[in-house]
N, C-alpha and C. Protein backbone atom coordinates (compact mmCIF):
# COMPACT_ATOMS: atom_id res chain seq x y z
N MET A 1 -0.55 -6.49 -13.34
CA MET A 1 -1.82 -6.43 -12.59
C MET A 1 -1.55 -6.33 -11.09
N ALA A 2 -0.41 -6.83 -10.67
CA ALA A 2 -0.09 -6.80 -9.23
C ALA A 2 0.41 -5.42 -8.81
N ALA A 3 0.61 -4.54 -9.80
CA ALA A 3 1.14 -3.21 -9.47
C ALA A 3 0.19 -2.47 -8.53
N HIS A 4 -1.10 -2.43 -8.89
CA HIS A 4 -2.04 -1.69 -8.04
C HIS A 4 -2.15 -2.34 -6.66
N ILE A 5 -1.94 -3.63 -6.58
CA ILE A 5 -2.00 -4.30 -5.27
C ILE A 5 -0.84 -3.83 -4.41
N GLU A 6 0.36 -3.74 -5.00
CA GLU A 6 1.52 -3.29 -4.23
C GLU A 6 1.30 -1.87 -3.74
N ILE A 7 0.74 -1.03 -4.62
CA ILE A 7 0.48 0.36 -4.23
C ILE A 7 -0.50 0.39 -3.06
N LYS A 8 -1.50 -0.44 -3.13
CA LYS A 8 -2.51 -0.47 -2.05
C LYS A 8 -1.84 -0.86 -0.73
N VAL A 9 -0.97 -1.85 -0.78
CA VAL A 9 -0.27 -2.29 0.44
C VAL A 9 0.60 -1.17 0.97
N MET A 10 1.28 -0.47 0.05
CA MET A 10 2.15 0.63 0.48
C MET A 10 1.32 1.71 1.17
N LEU A 11 0.14 2.00 0.62
CA LEU A 11 -0.72 3.01 1.22
C LEU A 11 -1.16 2.55 2.61
N GLN A 12 -1.49 1.29 2.74
CA GLN A 12 -1.92 0.77 4.05
C GLN A 12 -0.77 0.87 5.05
N ASN A 13 0.44 0.53 4.61
CA ASN A 13 1.60 0.62 5.51
C ASN A 13 1.81 2.06 5.94
N SER A 14 1.61 2.99 5.03
CA SER A 14 1.77 4.41 5.37
C SER A 14 0.76 4.79 6.45
N SER A 15 -0.45 4.32 6.32
CA SER A 15 -1.48 4.65 7.31
C SER A 15 -1.08 4.09 8.67
N ILE A 16 -0.54 2.89 8.70
CA ILE A 16 -0.15 2.27 9.97
C ILE A 16 1.00 3.07 10.59
N GLU A 17 1.99 3.46 9.76
CA GLU A 17 3.12 4.23 10.29
C GLU A 17 2.64 5.58 10.80
N ALA A 18 1.72 6.20 10.07
CA ALA A 18 1.22 7.52 10.48
C ALA A 18 0.29 7.33 11.68
């Protein structure tokens, strides 16, 4: 269940880096 949470965090980190 935490898989989608990790993906969400990764997407947010990508937005911050971009």
